[in-house]
Amino acid sequence: QELNVLNKKLQGQGQLVSAAYDNL
């Protein structure tokens, strides 16, 4: 469940790499 939530945070239109880094 935690990995699924993380996976959704890394996807989507207009994502910035800084946001992906914060989520990871």
PDB file of all heavy atoms in Angstrom:
ATOM      1  N   GLN A   1       0.835  -1.204   0.000  1.00  0.00           N
ATOM      2  CA  GLN A   1       0.000   0.000   0.000  1.00  0.00           C
ATOM      3  C   GLN A   1       0.869   1.252   0.000  1.00  0.00           C
ATOM      4  O   GLN A   1       0.615   2.218  -0.746  1.00  0.00           O
ATOM      5  CB  GLN A   1      -0.938   0.001   1.209  1.00  0.00           C
ATOM      6  CG  GLN A   1      -1.718   1.289   1.410  1.00  0.00           C
ATOM      7  CD  GLN A   1      -2.675   1.586   0.273  1.00  0.00           C
ATOM      8  OE1 GLN A   1      -3.023   0.696  -0.501  1.00  0.00           O
ATOM      9  NE2 GLN A   1      -3.090   2.838   0.160  1.00  0.00           N
ATOM     10  N   GLU A   2       1.934   1.257   0.824  1.00  0.00           N
ATOM     11  CA  GLU A   2       2.840   2.410   0.866  1.00  0.00           C
ATOM     12  C   GLU A   2       3.533   2.612  -0.485  1.00  0.00           C
ATOM     13  O   GLU A   2       3.703   3.740  -0.950  1.00  0.00           O
ATOM     14  CB  GLU A   2       3.883   2.223   1.963  1.00  0.00           C
ATOM     15  CG  GLU A   2       3.333   2.249   3.381  1.00  0.00           C
ATOM     16  CD  GLU A   2       2.837   3.629   3.776  1.00  0.00           C
ATOM     17  OE1 GLU A   2       3.269   4.625   3.158  1.00  0.00           O
ATOM     18  OE2 GLU A   2       2.006   3.727   4.691  1.00  0.00           O
ATOM     19  N   LEU A   3       3.933   1.523  -1.121  1.00  0.00           N
ATOM     20  CA  LEU A   3       4.606   1.621  -2.416  1.00  0.00           C
ATOM     21  C   LEU A   3       3.642   2.106  -3.502  1.00  0.00           C
ATOM     22  O   LEU A   3       4.039   2.839  -4.413  1.00  0.00           O
ATOM     23  CB  LEU A   3       5.200   0.262  -2.805  1.00  0.00           C
ATOM     24  CG  LEU A   3       6.348  -0.229  -1.919  1.00  0.00           C
ATOM     25  CD1 LEU A   3       6.812  -1.608  -2.376  1.00  0.00           C
ATOM     26  CD2 LEU A   3       7.516   0.744  -1.935  1.00  0.00           C
ATOM     27  N   ASN A   4       2.386   1.702  -3.407  1.00  0.00           N
ATOM     28  CA  ASN A   4       1.384   2.172  -4.366  1.00  0.00           C
ATOM     29  C   ASN A   4       1.166   3.680  -4.235  1.00  0.00           C
ATOM     30  O   ASN A   4       1.049   4.399  -5.237  1.00  0.00           O
ATOM     31  CB  ASN A   4       0.054   1.441  -4.162  1.00  0.00           C
ATOM     32  CG  ASN A   4       0.091   0.017  -4.674  1.00  0.00           C
ATOM     33  OD1 ASN A   4       0.918  -0.316  -5.518  1.00  0.00           O
ATOM     34  ND2 ASN A   4      -0.783  -0.828  -4.162  1.00  0.00           N
ATOM     35  N   VAL A   5       1.122   4.149  -2.986  1.00  0.00           N
ATOM     36  CA  VAL A   5       0.964   5.592  -2.751  1.00  0.00           C
ATOM     37  C   VAL A   5       2.155   6.357  -3.310  1.00  0.00           C
ATOM     38  O   VAL A   5       2.011   7.393  -3.968  1.00  0.00           O
ATOM     39  CB  VAL A   5       0.800   5.870  -1.246  1.00  0.00           C
ATOM     40  CG1 VAL A   5       0.835   7.372  -0.970  1.00  0.00           C
ATOM     41  CG2 VAL A   5      -0.503   5.279  -0.734  1.00  0.00           C
ATOM     42  N   LEU A   6       3.361   5.840  -3.063  1.00  0.00           N
ATOM     43  CA  LEU A   6       4.569   6.477  -3.582  1.00  0.00           C
ATOM     44  C   LEU A   6       4.574   6.483  -5.106  1.00  0.00           C
ATOM     45  O   LEU A   6       4.933   7.485  -5.740  1.00  0.00           O
ATOM     46  CB  LEU A   6       5.808   5.746  -3.063  1.00  0.00           C
ATOM     47  CG  LEU A   6       7.156   6.194  -3.630  1.00  0.00           C
ATOM     48  CD1 LEU A   6       7.419   7.663  -3.318  1.00  0.00           C
ATOM     49  CD2 LEU A   6       8.285   5.320  -3.090  1.00  0.00           C
ATOM     50  N   ASN A   7       4.155   5.377  -5.705  1.00  0.00           N
ATOM     51  CA  ASN A   7       4.132   5.272  -7.168  1.00  0.00           C
ATOM     52  C   ASN A   7       3.213   6.319  -7.788  1.00  0.00           C
ATOM     53  O   ASN A   7       3.539   6.933  -8.808  1.00  0.00           O
ATOM     54  CB  ASN A   7       3.683   3.867  -7.567  1.00  0.00           C
ATOM     55  CG  ASN A   7       3.755   3.638  -9.071  1.00  0.00           C
ATOM     56  OD1 ASN A   7       4.690   4.086  -9.723  1.00  0.00           O
ATOM     57  ND2 ASN A   7       2.770   2.953  -9.610  1.00  0.00           N
ATOM     58  N   LYS A   8       2.066   6.564  -7.156  1.00  0.00           N
ATOM     59  CA  LYS A   8       1.136   7.567  -7.674  1.00  0.00           C
ATOM     60  C   LYS A   8       1.705   8.970  -7.530  1.00  0.00           C
ATOM     61  O   LYS A   8       1.466   9.839  -8.366  1.00  0.00           O
ATOM     62  CB  LYS A   8      -0.207   7.466  -6.937  1.00  0.00           C
ATOM     63  CG  LYS A   8      -0.994   6.212  -7.272  1.00  0.00           C
ATOM     64  CD  LYS A   8      -2.319   6.183  -6.532  1.00  0.00           C
ATOM     65  CE  LYS A   8      -3.116   4.937  -6.882  1.00  0.00           C
ATOM     66  NZ  LYS A   8      -4.405   4.879  -6.150  1.00  0.00           N
ATOM     67  N   LYS A   9       2.470   9.210  -6.460  1.00  0.00           N
ATOM     68  CA  LYS A   9       3.061  10.532  -6.265  1.00  0.00           C
ATOM     69  C   LYS A   9       4.116  10.844  -7.323  1.00  0.00           C
ATOM     70  O   LYS A   9       4.378  12.008  -7.621  1.00  0.00           O
ATOM     71  CB  LYS A   9       3.699  10.622  -4.873  1.00  0.00           C
ATOM     72  CG  LYS A   9       2.698  10.680  -3.735  1.00  0.00           C
ATOM     73  CD  LYS A   9       3.405  10.806  -2.405  1.00  0.00           C
ATOM     74  CE  LYS A   9       2.415  10.904  -1.252  1.00  0.00           C
ATOM     75  NZ  LYS A   9       3.109  11.018   0.056  1.00  0.00           N
ATOM     76  N   LEU A  10       4.741   9.798  -7.878  1.00  0.00           N
ATOM     77  CA  LEU A  10       5.787  10.004  -8.877  1.00  0.00           C
ATOM     78  C   LEU A  10       5.229  10.171 -10.279  1.00  0.00           C
ATOM     79  O   LEU A  10       5.993  10.385 -11.219  1.00  0.00           O
ATOM     80  CB  LEU A  10       6.768   8.823  -8.862  1.00  0.00           C
ATOM     81  CG  LEU A  10       7.530   8.593  -7.557  1.00  0.00           C
ATOM     82  CD1 LEU A  10       8.443   7.391  -7.693  1.00  0.00           C
ATOM     83  CD2 LEU A  10       8.333   9.825  -7.178  1.00  0.00           C
ATOM     84  N   GLN A  11       3.916  10.040 -10.432  1.00  0.00           N
ATOM     85  CA  GLN A  11       3.300  10.113 -11.750  1.00  0.00           C
ATOM     86  C   GLN A  11       2.386  11.322 -11.830  1.00  0.00           C
ATOM     87  O   GLN A  11       2.064  11.945 -10.833  1.00  0.00           O
ATOM     88  CB  GLN A  11       2.507   8.838 -12.050  1.00  0.00           C
ATOM     89  CG  GLN A  11       3.344   7.573 -12.011  1.00  0.00           C
ATOM     90  CD  GLN A  11       2.543   6.352 -12.397  1.00  0.00           C
ATOM     91  OE1 GLN A  11       1.706   6.408 -13.280  1.00  0.00           O
ATOM     92  NE2 GLN A  11       2.803   5.244 -11.744  1.00  0.00           N
ATOM     93  N   GLY A  12       1.982  11.634 -13.033  1.00  0.00           N
ATOM     94  CA  GLY A  12       1.056  12.734 -13.240  1.00  0.00           C
ATOM     95  C   GLY A  12       1.597  13.777 -14.190  1.00  0.00           C
ATOM     96  O   GLY A  12       2.796  13.880 -14.415  1.00  0.00           O
ATOM     97  N   GLN A  13       0.683  14.566 -14.731  1.00  0.00           N
ATOM     98  CA  GLN A  13       1.048  15.592 -15.692  1.00  0.00           C
ATOM     99  C   GLN A  13       1.756  16.746 -14.988  1.00  0.00           C
ATOM    100  O   GLN A  13       1.379  17.176 -13.905  1.00  0.00           O
ATOM    101  CB  GLN A  13      -0.214  16.116 -16.385  1.00  0.00           C
ATOM    102  CG  GLN A  13       0.056  17.027 -17.557  1.00  0.00           C
ATOM    103  CD  GLN A  13       0.503  16.270 -18.780  1.00  0.00           C
ATOM    104  OE1 GLN A  13       0.324  15.063 -18.845  1.00  0.00           O
ATOM    105  NE2 GLN A  13       1.065  16.970 -19.735  1.00  0.00           N
ATOM    106  N   GLY A  14       2.815  17.267 -15.591  1.00  0.00           N
ATOM    107  CA  GLY A  14       3.499  18.442 -15.066  1.00  0.00           C
ATOM    108  C   GLY A  14       4.325  18.192 -13.823  1.00  0.00           C
ATOM    109  O   GLY A  14       4.567  19.109 -13.043  1.00  0.00           O
ATOM    110  N   GLN A  15       4.768  16.972 -13.598  1.00  0.00           N
ATOM    111  CA  GLN A  15       5.590  16.671 -12.434  1.00  0.00           C
ATOM    112  C   GLN A  15       6.970  17.292 -12.583  1.00  0.00           C
ATOM    113  O   GLN A  15       7.558  17.282 -13.654  1.00  0.00           O
ATOM    114  CB  GLN A  15       5.737  15.153 -12.270  1.00  0.00           C
ATOM    115  CG  GLN A  15       4.592  14.531 -11.501  1.00  0.00           C
ATOM    116  CD  GLN A  15       4.794  14.622  -9.996  1.00  0.00           C
ATOM    117  OE1 GLN A  15       5.553  15.444  -9.503  1.00  0.00           O
ATOM    118  NE2 GLN A  15       4.111  13.769  -9.268  1.00  0.00           N
ATOM    119  N   LEU A  16       7.491  17.831 -11.488  1.00  0.00           N
ATOM    120  CA  LEU A  16       8.853  18.348 -11.453  1.00  0.00           C
ATOM    121  C   LEU A  16       9.743  17.359 -10.732  1.00  0.00           C
ATOM    122  O   LEU A  16       9.312  16.685  -9.792  1.00  0.00           O
ATOM    123  CB  LEU A  16       8.900  19.705 -10.748  1.00  0.00           C
ATOM    124  CG  LEU A  16       8.140  20.844 -11.446  1.00  0.00           C
ATOM    125  CD1 LEU A  16       8.167  22.107 -10.591  1.00  0.00           C
ATOM    126  CD2 LEU A  16       8.733  21.124 -12.812  1.00  0.00           C
ATOM    127  N   VAL A  17      10.990  17.264 -11.156  1.00  0.00           N
ATOM    128  CA  VAL A  17      11.899  16.278 -10.589  1.00  0.00           C
ATOM    129  C   VAL A  17      12.168  16.566  -9.120  1.00  0.00           C
ATOM    130  O   VAL A  17      12.432  15.651  -8.333  1.00  0.00           O
ATOM    131  CB  VAL A  17      13.217  16.243 -11.402  1.00  0.00           C
ATOM    132  CG1 VAL A  17      14.012  17.512 -11.212  1.00  0.00           C
ATOM    133  CG2 VAL A  17      14.054  15.025 -11.040  1.00  0.00           C
ATOM    134  N   SER A  18      12.084  17.822  -8.695  1.00  0.00           N
ATOM    135  CA  SER A  18      12.308  18.144  -7.286  1.00  0.00           C
ATOM    136  C   SER A  18      11.216  17.536  -6.403  1.00  0.00           C
ATOM    137  O   SER A  18      11.487  17.064  -5.297  1.00  0.00           O
ATOM    138  CB  SER A  18      12.352  19.662  -7.087  1.00  0.00           C
ATOM    139  OG  SER A  18      11.174  20.277  -7.596  1.00  0.00           O
ATOM    140  N   ALA A  19       9.967  17.516  -6.902  1.00  0.00           N
ATOM    141  CA  ALA A  19       8.874  16.898  -6.149  1.00  0.00           C
ATOM    142  C   ALA A  19       9.064  15.391  -6.059  1.00  0.00           C
ATOM    143  O   ALA A  19       8.793  14.770  -5.030  1.00  0.00           O
ATOM    144  CB  ALA A  19       7.536  17.232  -6.796  1.00  0.00           C
ATOM    145  N   ALA A  20       9.534  14.786  -7.157  1.00  0.00           N
ATOM    146  CA  ALA A  20       9.805  13.350  -7.144  1.00  0.00           C
ATOM    147  C   ALA A  20      10.892  13.024  -6.140  1.00  0.00           C
ATOM    148  O   ALA A  20      10.820  12.017  -5.419  1.00  0.00           O
ATOM    149  CB  ALA A  20      10.219  12.879  -8.542  1.00  0.00           C
ATOM    150  N   TYR A  21      11.917  13.865  -6.069  1.00  0.00           N
ATOM    151  CA  TYR A  21      12.999  13.633  -5.118  1.00  0.00           C
ATOM    152  C   TYR A  21      12.488  13.727  -3.680  1.00  0.00           C
ATOM    153  O   TYR A  21      12.852  12.915  -2.821  1.00  0.00           O
ATOM    154  CB  TYR A  21      14.116  14.653  -5.336  1.00  0.00           C
ATOM    155  CG  TYR A  21      15.232  14.556  -4.322  1.00  0.00           C
ATOM    156  CD1 TYR A  21      16.204  13.562  -4.429  1.00  0.00           C
ATOM    157  CD2 TYR A  21      15.305  15.435  -3.258  1.00  0.00           C
ATOM    158  CE1 TYR A  21      17.213  13.457  -3.496  1.00  0.00           C
ATOM    159  CE2 TYR A  21      16.311  15.339  -2.317  1.00  0.00           C
ATOM    160  CZ  TYR A  21      17.270  14.353  -2.447  1.00  0.00           C
ATOM    161  OH  TYR A  21      18.261  14.255  -1.513  1.00  0.00           O
ATOM    162  N   ASP A  22      11.628  14.708  -3.391  1.00  0.00           N
ATOM    163  CA  ASP A  22      11.080  14.855  -2.040  1.00  0.00           C
ATOM    164  C   ASP A  22      10.267  13.632  -1.646  1.00  0.00           C
ATOM    165  O   ASP A  22      10.348  13.151  -0.508  1.00  0.00           O
ATOM    166  CB  ASP A  22      10.201  16.110  -1.957  1.00  0.00           C
ATOM    167  CG  ASP A  22      11.027  17.387  -2.073  1.00  0.00           C
ATOM    168  OD1 ASP A  22      12.245  17.320  -1.819  1.00  0.00           O
ATOM    169  OD2 ASP A  22      10.443  18.423  -2.425  1.00  0.00           O
ATOM    170  N   ASN A  23       9.468  13.104  -2.573  1.00  0.00           N
ATOM    171  CA  ASN A  23       8.653  11.933  -2.268  1.00  0.00           C
ATOM    172  C   ASN A  23       9.512  10.702  -2.018  1.00  0.00           C
ATOM    173  O   ASN A  23       9.209   9.880  -1.145  1.00  0.00           O
ATOM    174  CB  ASN A  23       7.682  11.659  -3.417  1.00  0.00           C
ATOM    175  CG  ASN A  23       6.577  12.693  -3.492  1.00  0.00           C
ATOM    176  OD1 ASN A  23       6.092  13.160  -2.462  1.00  0.00           O
ATOM    177  ND2 ASN A  23       6.184  13.067  -4.694  1.00  0.00           N
ATOM    178  N   LEU A  24      10.597  10.552  -2.764  1.00  0.00           N
ATOM    179  CA  LEU A  24      11.490   9.407  -2.567  1.00  0.00           C
ATOM    180  C   LEU A  24      12.284   9.532  -1.278  1.00  0.00           C
ATOM    181  O   LEU A  24      12.730   8.532  -0.715  1.00  0.00           O
ATOM    182  CB  LEU A  24      12.444   9.280  -3.755  1.00  0.00           C
ATOM    183  CG  LEU A  24      11.824   8.761  -5.050  1.00  0.00           C
ATOM    184  CD1 LEU A  24      12.819   8.861  -6.193  1.00  0.00           C
ATOM    185  CD2 LEU A  24      11.348   7.332  -4.900  1.00  0.00           C
TER     186      LEU A  24
END
